[in-house]
Each structure stands twice: as structure tokens, then as C-alpha cells.
N, C-alpha and C. Protein backbone atom coordinates (compact mmCIF):
# COMPACT_ATOMS: atom_id res chain seq x y z
N MET A 1 20.11 24.12 -6.96
CA MET A 1 18.96 24.98 -7.15
C MET A 1 19.00 25.58 -8.54
N LEU A 2 17.88 25.68 -9.20
CA LEU A 2 17.82 26.25 -10.54
C LEU A 2 17.80 27.76 -10.46
N SER A 3 18.50 28.39 -11.39
CA SER A 3 18.44 29.85 -11.44
C SER A 3 17.18 30.26 -12.19
N ALA A 4 16.85 31.52 -12.08
CA ALA A 4 15.64 32.02 -12.73
C ALA A 4 15.75 31.96 -14.25
N THR A 5 16.97 31.89 -14.77
CA THR A 5 17.15 31.88 -16.22
C THR A 5 17.30 30.49 -16.80
N SER A 6 17.47 29.46 -15.96
CA SER A 6 17.65 28.11 -16.51
C SER A 6 16.30 27.57 -16.97
N PRO A 7 16.31 26.76 -18.05
CA PRO A 7 15.05 26.22 -18.56
C PRO A 7 14.47 25.20 -17.58
N PRO A 8 13.15 25.11 -17.46
CA PRO A 8 12.56 24.15 -16.54
C PRO A 8 12.79 22.72 -17.03
N SER A 9 12.92 21.81 -16.11
CA SER A 9 13.09 20.41 -16.49
C SER A 9 11.75 19.86 -16.98
N ASP A 10 11.82 18.69 -17.58
CA ASP A 10 10.59 18.02 -18.02
C ASP A 10 9.67 17.78 -16.83
N PHE A 11 10.26 17.42 -15.69
CA PHE A 11 9.45 17.15 -14.51
C PHE A 11 8.75 18.42 -14.04
N GLN A 12 9.48 19.53 -14.01
CA GLN A 12 8.87 20.79 -13.59
C GLN A 12 7.71 21.15 -14.51
N SER A 13 7.89 20.95 -15.79
CA SER A 13 6.81 21.23 -16.75
C SER A 13 5.62 20.31 -16.50
N LEU A 14 5.89 19.04 -16.29
CA LEU A 14 4.83 18.08 -16.00
C LEU A 14 4.05 18.52 -14.76
N TYR A 15 4.76 18.88 -13.72
CA TYR A 15 4.12 19.29 -12.47
C TYR A 15 3.29 20.56 -12.70
N ARG A 16 3.88 21.55 -13.29
CA ARG A 16 3.20 22.83 -13.49
C ARG A 16 1.95 22.67 -14.37
N GLU A 17 2.04 21.86 -15.40
CA GLU A 17 0.93 21.72 -16.35
C GLU A 17 -0.18 20.80 -15.87
N HIS A 18 0.13 19.87 -14.95
CA HIS A 18 -0.87 18.85 -14.61
C HIS A 18 -1.22 18.75 -13.13
N HIS A 19 -0.51 19.44 -12.27
CA HIS A 19 -0.79 19.32 -10.83
C HIS A 19 -2.21 19.77 -10.50
N SER A 20 -2.62 20.93 -10.98
CA SER A 20 -3.96 21.42 -10.62
C SER A 20 -5.05 20.50 -11.19
N TRP A 21 -4.83 19.95 -12.38
CA TRP A 21 -5.79 18.99 -12.95
C TRP A 21 -5.89 17.75 -12.05
N LEU A 22 -4.72 17.20 -11.66
CA LEU A 22 -4.72 15.99 -10.83
C LEU A 22 -5.37 16.26 -9.48
N LEU A 23 -5.11 17.42 -8.91
CA LEU A 23 -5.71 17.77 -7.63
C LEU A 23 -7.23 17.84 -7.75
N ARG A 24 -7.75 18.46 -8.79
CA ARG A 24 -9.20 18.51 -9.00
C ARG A 24 -9.76 17.10 -9.20
N TRP A 25 -9.06 16.28 -9.97
CA TRP A 25 -9.47 14.91 -10.25
C TRP A 25 -9.60 14.12 -8.94
N LEU A 26 -8.62 14.27 -8.06
CA LEU A 26 -8.65 13.56 -6.78
C LEU A 26 -9.72 14.13 -5.84
N LYS A 27 -9.89 15.44 -5.83
CA LYS A 27 -10.92 16.04 -4.96
C LYS A 27 -12.31 15.54 -5.33
N ARG A 28 -12.57 15.38 -6.64
CA ARG A 28 -13.89 14.87 -7.06
C ARG A 28 -14.13 13.46 -6.54
N ARG A 29 -13.10 12.68 -6.43
CA ARG A 29 -13.25 11.30 -5.99
C ARG A 29 -13.27 11.17 -4.46
N LEU A 30 -12.56 12.06 -3.78
CA LEU A 30 -12.38 11.91 -2.35
C LEU A 30 -13.25 12.81 -1.48
N HIS A 31 -13.58 13.97 -1.97
CA HIS A 31 -14.30 14.97 -1.18
C HIS A 31 -13.52 15.33 0.09
N ASP A 32 -12.20 15.27 0.00
CA ASP A 32 -11.31 15.62 1.11
C ASP A 32 -10.11 16.33 0.51
N ALA A 33 -10.09 17.66 0.59
CA ALA A 33 -9.05 18.45 -0.05
C ALA A 33 -7.66 18.13 0.50
N GLY A 34 -7.57 17.89 1.80
CA GLY A 34 -6.27 17.59 2.41
C GLY A 34 -5.69 16.29 1.88
N LEU A 35 -6.50 15.24 1.89
CA LEU A 35 -6.04 13.94 1.39
C LEU A 35 -5.75 14.01 -0.10
N ALA A 36 -6.59 14.75 -0.85
CA ALA A 36 -6.36 14.90 -2.28
C ALA A 36 -5.01 15.58 -2.53
N GLY A 37 -4.70 16.61 -1.76
CA GLY A 37 -3.42 17.29 -1.90
C GLY A 37 -2.25 16.36 -1.59
N ASP A 38 -2.39 15.56 -0.53
CA ASP A 38 -1.33 14.61 -0.17
C ASP A 38 -1.11 13.58 -1.27
N LEU A 39 -2.21 13.03 -1.80
CA LEU A 39 -2.08 12.01 -2.85
C LEU A 39 -1.54 12.61 -4.15
N ALA A 40 -1.90 13.85 -4.45
CA ALA A 40 -1.35 14.49 -5.65
C ALA A 40 0.17 14.65 -5.51
N GLN A 41 0.61 15.10 -4.34
CA GLN A 41 2.06 15.24 -4.12
C GLN A 41 2.75 13.88 -4.18
N ASP A 42 2.15 12.88 -3.54
CA ASP A 42 2.73 11.54 -3.55
C ASP A 42 2.84 11.00 -4.98
N THR A 43 1.86 11.33 -5.81
CA THR A 43 1.89 10.89 -7.21
C THR A 43 3.10 11.46 -7.92
N PHE A 44 3.32 12.74 -7.76
CA PHE A 44 4.46 13.37 -8.43
C PHE A 44 5.78 12.90 -7.85
N ILE A 45 5.81 12.60 -6.57
CA ILE A 45 7.03 12.06 -5.96
C ILE A 45 7.34 10.70 -6.57
N LYS A 46 6.30 9.87 -6.74
CA LYS A 46 6.52 8.55 -7.36
C LYS A 46 7.09 8.71 -8.77
N VAL A 47 6.55 9.66 -9.53
CA VAL A 47 7.05 9.89 -10.89
C VAL A 47 8.51 10.32 -10.84
N LEU A 48 8.82 11.25 -9.97
CA LEU A 48 10.17 11.78 -9.87
C LEU A 48 11.16 10.70 -9.46
N VAL A 49 10.81 9.92 -8.45
CA VAL A 49 11.71 8.88 -7.95
C VAL A 49 11.87 7.75 -8.96
N ALA A 50 10.77 7.36 -9.59
CA ALA A 50 10.80 6.21 -10.49
C ALA A 50 11.50 6.49 -11.80
N ARG A 51 11.22 7.65 -12.39
CA ARG A 51 11.74 7.82 -13.74
C ARG A 51 11.81 9.25 -14.23
N GLY A 52 11.47 10.19 -13.41
CA GLY A 52 11.36 11.55 -13.91
C GLY A 52 10.15 11.61 -14.82
N SER A 53 10.19 12.46 -15.80
CA SER A 53 9.03 12.56 -16.69
C SER A 53 9.40 12.24 -18.13
N ALA A 54 10.61 11.74 -18.32
CA ALA A 54 11.05 11.41 -19.67
C ALA A 54 10.22 10.28 -20.26
N GLY A 55 9.75 10.48 -21.45
CA GLY A 55 9.04 9.43 -22.18
C GLY A 55 7.58 9.26 -21.83
N ILE A 56 7.00 10.13 -21.06
CA ILE A 56 5.58 10.02 -20.75
C ILE A 56 4.80 10.61 -21.92
N MET A 57 4.09 9.75 -22.62
CA MET A 57 3.38 10.17 -23.83
C MET A 57 2.03 10.82 -23.50
N GLN A 58 1.31 10.25 -22.55
CA GLN A 58 -0.01 10.77 -22.16
C GLN A 58 0.01 11.00 -20.65
N PRO A 59 0.41 12.20 -20.23
CA PRO A 59 0.62 12.46 -18.80
C PRO A 59 -0.62 12.27 -17.93
N ARG A 60 -1.77 12.71 -18.37
CA ARG A 60 -2.95 12.65 -17.50
C ARG A 60 -3.37 11.21 -17.20
N PRO A 61 -3.49 10.34 -18.19
CA PRO A 61 -3.82 8.94 -17.85
C PRO A 61 -2.72 8.28 -16.99
N PHE A 62 -1.47 8.63 -17.27
CA PHE A 62 -0.35 8.09 -16.50
C PHE A 62 -0.45 8.53 -15.04
N LEU A 63 -0.67 9.82 -14.81
CA LEU A 63 -0.79 10.36 -13.45
C LEU A 63 -2.03 9.81 -12.76
N ALA A 64 -3.12 9.68 -13.50
CA ALA A 64 -4.36 9.16 -12.92
C ALA A 64 -4.18 7.70 -12.47
N THR A 65 -3.42 6.93 -13.23
CA THR A 65 -3.17 5.54 -12.87
C THR A 65 -2.37 5.46 -11.58
N ILE A 66 -1.32 6.26 -11.47
CA ILE A 66 -0.51 6.26 -10.25
C ILE A 66 -1.35 6.73 -9.07
N ALA A 67 -2.11 7.82 -9.26
CA ALA A 67 -2.94 8.34 -8.17
C ALA A 67 -4.01 7.32 -7.76
N SER A 68 -4.58 6.61 -8.71
CA SER A 68 -5.58 5.58 -8.40
C SER A 68 -4.98 4.48 -7.55
N ARG A 69 -3.77 4.08 -7.87
CA ARG A 69 -3.10 3.03 -7.08
C ARG A 69 -2.80 3.52 -5.67
N LEU A 70 -2.34 4.77 -5.56
CA LEU A 70 -2.09 5.34 -4.24
C LEU A 70 -3.38 5.43 -3.43
N LEU A 71 -4.46 5.81 -4.10
CA LEU A 71 -5.76 5.90 -3.44
C LEU A 71 -6.22 4.52 -2.98
N ALA A 72 -6.03 3.51 -3.81
CA ALA A 72 -6.42 2.14 -3.44
C ALA A 72 -5.61 1.68 -2.22
N ASN A 73 -4.30 1.98 -2.21
CA ASN A 73 -3.47 1.62 -1.05
C ASN A 73 -3.95 2.34 0.20
N HIS A 74 -4.30 3.60 0.06
CA HIS A 74 -4.80 4.37 1.20
C HIS A 74 -6.10 3.75 1.72
N CYS A 75 -7.01 3.44 0.82
CA CYS A 75 -8.30 2.85 1.22
C CYS A 75 -8.10 1.49 1.89
N ARG A 76 -7.17 0.70 1.38
CA ARG A 76 -6.90 -0.61 1.97
C ARG A 76 -6.35 -0.44 3.39
N ARG A 77 -5.45 0.54 3.60
CA ARG A 77 -4.92 0.79 4.94
C ARG A 77 -6.03 1.23 5.89
N VAL A 78 -6.89 2.12 5.42
CA VAL A 78 -8.01 2.59 6.25
C VAL A 78 -8.92 1.42 6.61
N GLU A 79 -9.22 0.57 5.64
CA GLU A 79 -10.07 -0.60 5.88
C GLU A 79 -9.43 -1.56 6.87
N LEU A 80 -8.13 -1.76 6.75
CA LEU A 80 -7.40 -2.64 7.66
C LEU A 80 -7.44 -2.07 9.08
N GLU A 81 -7.21 -0.78 9.22
CA GLU A 81 -7.29 -0.15 10.54
C GLU A 81 -8.69 -0.26 11.12
N ARG A 82 -9.70 -0.02 10.30
CA ARG A 82 -11.09 -0.07 10.77
C ARG A 82 -11.44 -1.49 11.23
N ALA A 83 -11.02 -2.50 10.48
CA ALA A 83 -11.30 -3.88 10.87
C ALA A 83 -10.62 -4.22 12.19
N TYR A 84 -9.40 -3.75 12.37
CA TYR A 84 -8.68 -4.02 13.62
C TYR A 84 -9.38 -3.31 14.78
N LEU A 85 -9.75 -2.06 14.57
CA LEU A 85 -10.42 -1.31 15.64
C LEU A 85 -11.79 -1.93 15.97
N ASP A 86 -12.50 -2.40 14.94
CA ASP A 86 -13.78 -3.06 15.18
C ASP A 86 -13.59 -4.33 16.00
N ALA A 87 -12.55 -5.08 15.70
CA ALA A 87 -12.26 -6.30 16.46
C ALA A 87 -11.92 -5.94 17.90
N LEU A 88 -11.22 -4.84 18.11
CA LEU A 88 -10.88 -4.42 19.46
C LEU A 88 -12.13 -4.05 20.27
N LEU A 89 -13.10 -3.46 19.60
CA LEU A 89 -14.32 -3.06 20.30
C LEU A 89 -15.08 -4.26 20.85
N LEU A 90 -14.87 -5.42 20.23
CA LEU A 90 -15.54 -6.63 20.69
C LEU A 90 -14.85 -7.26 21.90
N GLN A 91 -13.65 -6.77 22.22
CA GLN A 91 -12.88 -7.30 23.34
C GLN A 91 -13.37 -6.69 24.65
N PRO A 92 -13.24 -7.44 25.75
CA PRO A 92 -13.57 -6.86 27.06
C PRO A 92 -12.66 -5.66 27.35
N GLN A 93 -13.18 -4.69 28.09
CA GLN A 93 -12.43 -3.46 28.36
C GLN A 93 -11.06 -3.74 28.96
N ALA A 94 -10.96 -4.74 29.83
CA ALA A 94 -9.69 -5.04 30.49
C ALA A 94 -8.62 -5.48 29.52
N SER A 95 -8.99 -6.02 28.37
CA SER A 95 -7.98 -6.50 27.42
C SER A 95 -7.68 -5.48 26.32
N MET A 96 -8.21 -4.28 26.43
CA MET A 96 -7.93 -3.23 25.44
C MET A 96 -6.47 -2.80 25.54
N PRO A 97 -5.78 -2.71 24.41
CA PRO A 97 -4.38 -2.28 24.46
C PRO A 97 -4.28 -0.78 24.72
N SER A 98 -3.11 -0.36 25.17
CA SER A 98 -2.86 1.06 25.39
C SER A 98 -2.80 1.76 24.03
N PRO A 99 -2.96 3.08 24.00
CA PRO A 99 -2.84 3.81 22.73
C PRO A 99 -1.50 3.58 22.04
N GLU A 100 -0.43 3.46 22.82
CA GLU A 100 0.89 3.20 22.25
C GLU A 100 0.94 1.83 21.58
N SER A 101 0.40 0.82 22.28
CA SER A 101 0.36 -0.53 21.71
C SER A 101 -0.50 -0.56 20.45
N LEU A 102 -1.61 0.14 20.50
CA LEU A 102 -2.50 0.21 19.35
C LEU A 102 -1.78 0.82 18.14
N ALA A 103 -1.04 1.89 18.36
CA ALA A 103 -0.29 2.54 17.27
C ALA A 103 0.76 1.59 16.70
N ILE A 104 1.43 0.84 17.56
CA ILE A 104 2.45 -0.10 17.11
C ILE A 104 1.82 -1.21 16.27
N VAL A 105 0.69 -1.73 16.73
CA VAL A 105 0.01 -2.80 16.00
C VAL A 105 -0.45 -2.30 14.64
N LEU A 106 -1.06 -1.12 14.59
CA LEU A 106 -1.53 -0.58 13.31
C LEU A 106 -0.36 -0.34 12.35
N GLU A 107 0.74 0.17 12.85
CA GLU A 107 1.91 0.37 12.00
C GLU A 107 2.44 -0.97 11.51
N SER A 108 2.46 -1.96 12.38
CA SER A 108 2.93 -3.30 11.98
C SER A 108 2.03 -3.90 10.91
N LEU A 109 0.71 -3.73 11.06
CA LEU A 109 -0.22 -4.23 10.05
C LEU A 109 0.02 -3.56 8.70
N GLN A 110 0.30 -2.27 8.71
CA GLN A 110 0.58 -1.57 7.47
C GLN A 110 1.88 -2.08 6.83
N LEU A 111 2.89 -2.35 7.65
CA LEU A 111 4.16 -2.88 7.13
C LEU A 111 3.95 -4.27 6.51
N VAL A 112 3.15 -5.09 7.18
CA VAL A 112 2.86 -6.43 6.64
C VAL A 112 2.07 -6.30 5.34
N ASP A 113 1.11 -5.38 5.30
CA ASP A 113 0.32 -5.17 4.09
C ASP A 113 1.22 -4.76 2.92
N ARG A 114 2.16 -3.85 3.17
CA ARG A 114 3.09 -3.44 2.11
C ARG A 114 3.99 -4.59 1.68
N ALA A 115 4.41 -5.41 2.64
CA ALA A 115 5.24 -6.57 2.30
C ALA A 115 4.46 -7.54 1.42
N LEU A 116 3.20 -7.77 1.74
CA LEU A 116 2.38 -8.70 0.96
C LEU A 116 2.15 -8.19 -0.47
N ASP A 117 2.19 -6.88 -0.65
CA ASP A 117 2.03 -6.32 -2.00
C ASP A 117 3.19 -6.69 -2.92
N LYS A 118 4.30 -7.13 -2.35
CA LYS A 118 5.47 -7.52 -3.15
C LYS A 118 5.34 -8.95 -3.68
N LEU A 119 4.34 -9.66 -3.21
CA LEU A 119 4.17 -11.07 -3.60
C LEU A 119 3.27 -11.21 -4.82
N SER A 120 3.34 -12.38 -5.42
CA SER A 120 2.41 -12.70 -6.50
C SER A 120 1.01 -12.83 -5.91
N GLY A 121 0.02 -12.81 -6.75
CA GLY A 121 -1.36 -12.95 -6.29
C GLY A 121 -1.60 -14.25 -5.55
N LYS A 122 -1.05 -15.35 -6.05
CA LYS A 122 -1.25 -16.64 -5.40
C LYS A 122 -0.55 -16.72 -4.06
N ALA A 123 0.66 -16.14 -3.99
CA ALA A 123 1.40 -16.18 -2.72
C ALA A 123 0.67 -15.35 -1.66
N LYS A 124 0.17 -14.20 -2.06
CA LYS A 124 -0.57 -13.35 -1.12
C LYS A 124 -1.85 -14.05 -0.67
N ALA A 125 -2.57 -14.65 -1.63
CA ALA A 125 -3.80 -15.37 -1.30
C ALA A 125 -3.50 -16.53 -0.36
N ALA A 126 -2.42 -17.26 -0.62
CA ALA A 126 -2.06 -18.40 0.24
C ALA A 126 -1.79 -17.92 1.66
N PHE A 127 -1.08 -16.82 1.80
CA PHE A 127 -0.78 -16.26 3.12
C PHE A 127 -2.07 -15.92 3.86
N LEU A 128 -2.94 -15.21 3.19
CA LEU A 128 -4.20 -14.79 3.81
C LEU A 128 -5.09 -15.98 4.16
N LEU A 129 -5.17 -16.96 3.26
CA LEU A 129 -5.98 -18.15 3.54
C LEU A 129 -5.44 -18.94 4.72
N ALA A 130 -4.11 -19.01 4.83
CA ALA A 130 -3.50 -19.76 5.92
C ALA A 130 -3.65 -19.03 7.25
N HIS A 131 -3.36 -17.73 7.25
CA HIS A 131 -3.30 -17.00 8.51
C HIS A 131 -4.62 -16.38 8.95
N LEU A 132 -5.48 -16.06 8.02
CA LEU A 132 -6.76 -15.47 8.41
C LEU A 132 -7.88 -16.50 8.46
N ASP A 133 -7.86 -17.44 7.52
CA ASP A 133 -8.92 -18.44 7.46
C ASP A 133 -8.51 -19.77 8.11
N GLY A 134 -7.23 -19.93 8.45
CA GLY A 134 -6.77 -21.14 9.11
C GLY A 134 -6.80 -22.38 8.24
N MET A 135 -6.71 -22.19 6.93
CA MET A 135 -6.78 -23.34 6.02
C MET A 135 -5.47 -24.13 6.03
N THR A 136 -5.56 -25.41 5.73
CA THR A 136 -4.37 -26.26 5.62
C THR A 136 -3.74 -26.07 4.24
N TYR A 137 -2.52 -26.60 4.09
CA TYR A 137 -1.85 -26.51 2.78
C TYR A 137 -2.71 -27.16 1.69
N ALA A 138 -3.28 -28.33 2.00
CA ALA A 138 -4.09 -29.04 1.01
C ALA A 138 -5.32 -28.23 0.63
N GLU A 139 -5.97 -27.61 1.60
CA GLU A 139 -7.15 -26.79 1.32
C GLU A 139 -6.77 -25.56 0.48
N ILE A 140 -5.64 -24.96 0.81
CA ILE A 140 -5.19 -23.78 0.06
C ILE A 140 -4.85 -24.19 -1.37
N ALA A 141 -4.16 -25.33 -1.52
CA ALA A 141 -3.80 -25.81 -2.86
C ALA A 141 -5.05 -26.04 -3.71
N ALA A 142 -6.07 -26.63 -3.12
CA ALA A 142 -7.32 -26.86 -3.85
C ALA A 142 -7.98 -25.53 -4.21
N GLU A 143 -7.99 -24.60 -3.29
CA GLU A 143 -8.60 -23.28 -3.52
C GLU A 143 -7.89 -22.52 -4.64
N LEU A 144 -6.56 -22.61 -4.66
CA LEU A 144 -5.76 -21.85 -5.64
C LEU A 144 -5.47 -22.63 -6.92
N GLY A 145 -5.84 -23.91 -6.94
CA GLY A 145 -5.57 -24.72 -8.12
C GLY A 145 -4.09 -24.96 -8.33
N THR A 146 -3.39 -25.28 -7.24
CA THR A 146 -1.95 -25.51 -7.32
C THR A 146 -1.60 -26.70 -6.43
N THR A 147 -0.33 -26.95 -6.23
CA THR A 147 0.11 -28.09 -5.42
C THR A 147 0.43 -27.64 -4.00
N THR A 148 0.45 -28.62 -3.09
CA THR A 148 0.82 -28.29 -1.71
C THR A 148 2.28 -27.84 -1.64
N HIS A 149 3.11 -28.37 -2.52
CA HIS A 149 4.51 -27.94 -2.57
C HIS A 149 4.59 -26.45 -2.91
N SER A 150 3.79 -26.01 -3.88
CA SER A 150 3.77 -24.59 -4.24
C SER A 150 3.26 -23.74 -3.08
N VAL A 151 2.24 -24.23 -2.39
CA VAL A 151 1.69 -23.50 -1.24
C VAL A 151 2.77 -23.34 -0.18
N LYS A 152 3.53 -24.40 0.06
CA LYS A 152 4.62 -24.33 1.04
C LYS A 152 5.64 -23.27 0.64
N LYS A 153 5.99 -23.22 -0.63
CA LYS A 153 6.94 -22.21 -1.12
C LYS A 153 6.35 -20.80 -0.98
N TYR A 154 5.07 -20.63 -1.34
CA TYR A 154 4.41 -19.33 -1.21
C TYR A 154 4.43 -18.85 0.24
N LEU A 155 4.07 -19.75 1.15
CA LEU A 155 3.98 -19.36 2.56
C LEU A 155 5.36 -19.09 3.16
N SER A 156 6.35 -19.86 2.75
CA SER A 156 7.70 -19.61 3.25
C SER A 156 8.16 -18.21 2.85
N LYS A 157 7.95 -17.89 1.60
CA LYS A 157 8.37 -16.57 1.11
C LYS A 157 7.57 -15.46 1.79
N ALA A 158 6.26 -15.64 1.89
CA ALA A 158 5.40 -14.61 2.49
C ALA A 158 5.73 -14.42 3.97
N ASN A 159 5.89 -15.51 4.69
CA ASN A 159 6.20 -15.42 6.11
C ASN A 159 7.53 -14.72 6.34
N LEU A 160 8.51 -15.04 5.53
CA LEU A 160 9.82 -14.39 5.64
C LEU A 160 9.73 -12.89 5.36
N LEU A 161 9.02 -12.54 4.29
CA LEU A 161 8.84 -11.12 3.96
C LEU A 161 8.16 -10.37 5.11
N CYS A 162 7.12 -10.95 5.66
CA CYS A 162 6.39 -10.29 6.75
C CYS A 162 7.23 -10.21 8.01
N PHE A 163 7.99 -11.26 8.28
CA PHE A 163 8.85 -11.27 9.46
C PHE A 163 9.84 -10.12 9.41
N PHE A 164 10.47 -9.92 8.27
CA PHE A 164 11.47 -8.87 8.16
C PHE A 164 10.87 -7.49 7.87
N ALA A 165 9.58 -7.45 7.56
CA ALA A 165 8.92 -6.16 7.31
C ALA A 165 8.67 -5.41 8.61
N VAL A 166 8.49 -6.13 9.70
CA VAL A 166 8.19 -5.51 10.99
C VAL A 166 9.46 -5.53 11.83
N PRO A 167 10.10 -4.38 12.05
CA PRO A 167 11.41 -4.33 12.70
C PRO A 167 11.45 -4.98 14.08
N ASP A 168 10.42 -4.85 14.90
CA ASP A 168 10.45 -5.42 16.24
C ASP A 168 10.55 -6.93 16.22
N PHE A 169 9.95 -7.58 15.21
CA PHE A 169 10.01 -9.03 15.12
C PHE A 169 11.38 -9.48 14.66
N ALA A 170 12.01 -8.71 13.78
CA ALA A 170 13.27 -9.11 13.19
C ALA A 170 14.46 -8.77 14.09
N ALA A 171 14.28 -7.89 15.05
CA ALA A 171 15.40 -7.48 15.91
C ALA A 171 15.79 -8.62 16.85
N PRO A 172 17.12 -8.76 17.11
CA PRO A 172 17.57 -9.84 18.01
C PRO A 172 17.19 -9.57 19.44
């Protein structure tokens, strides 16, 4: 813990000088003060964990970039949940999952989404084309402008990442 007489760290200065600006910036985009506050805190946590504040030349554009990425991830998760829930609404009432099952599926989808973010653009596209659109390796290769051998490598890597991203699937 810092004493009252110790000088503030670079990170503390960054937070003190830019937190209220970032919070206002996010509120203007979101119109949700709670979510804006969460994303502002997450932004500073990312900075702290990744590198502290050493060497940041232009803090506001830097913070805005991180916050924009966090916001995009949040929106993608919300969209994924909404699409899943919409698909469930089309199912007969008897096949509706329990709230617990629904929570597990949504969490699993988020874990898979985060795993796919670790892949290259082509590998992620190949995974989605294969599993969502049901395309063959040859069709995916033509779509991505690559070889079927590359598609096989992309899918192997993506499938493995997704398999180990969801703990229930990977458990013996």
C-alpha cells in the first residue's frame, strides 16, 4: 500500500487524469452509465496488466482504442447471446432448455468466441464457414483464396482451441 507521502505511480496519474474523460467518452457512446463504468475500469485494468503506463505518448487515443475494442467484444457477446436466444424461441416449448442449461450454453459460446479471437482472420473464417455454413474444405478454400491443405490446418487448430476453451468438453 502506498503511504500518503509517496509519489503517485505513472499508472495512478494516468488513471486520475483520464478516468473521468474516458467515462464520459463511453457514456456518450453507450447511454448506459453502468456499462460505461465497467468498460472504463476494464480499460485501465488492461493497461495495468499489459504494461502499466510507461511509454504511453498519447493517453487518450490509447485508452479510447482499448475501450473501443472492449466495447466491440461486449457487443459481439450480446449479439451472440441474442442470436442464440432468438433461435431458441423458434424451438417447440418442450425442447426449451432449463435456465441452468441456457446459462451453460451461453457461457460456452462466449468461451468459444474468445478462443476464436486468438486465431488469424482466415482460420476464424474457415471455422465459421465450416461449422455455421456447412461448407466443405474445397468450398472454404475457394472462398478464402487458399488451399484445402491450409483449410485443414486452420480447422484443426480452431477445433482444438475451441475444444479446450470449454472446460466441460475437455474434462475426462
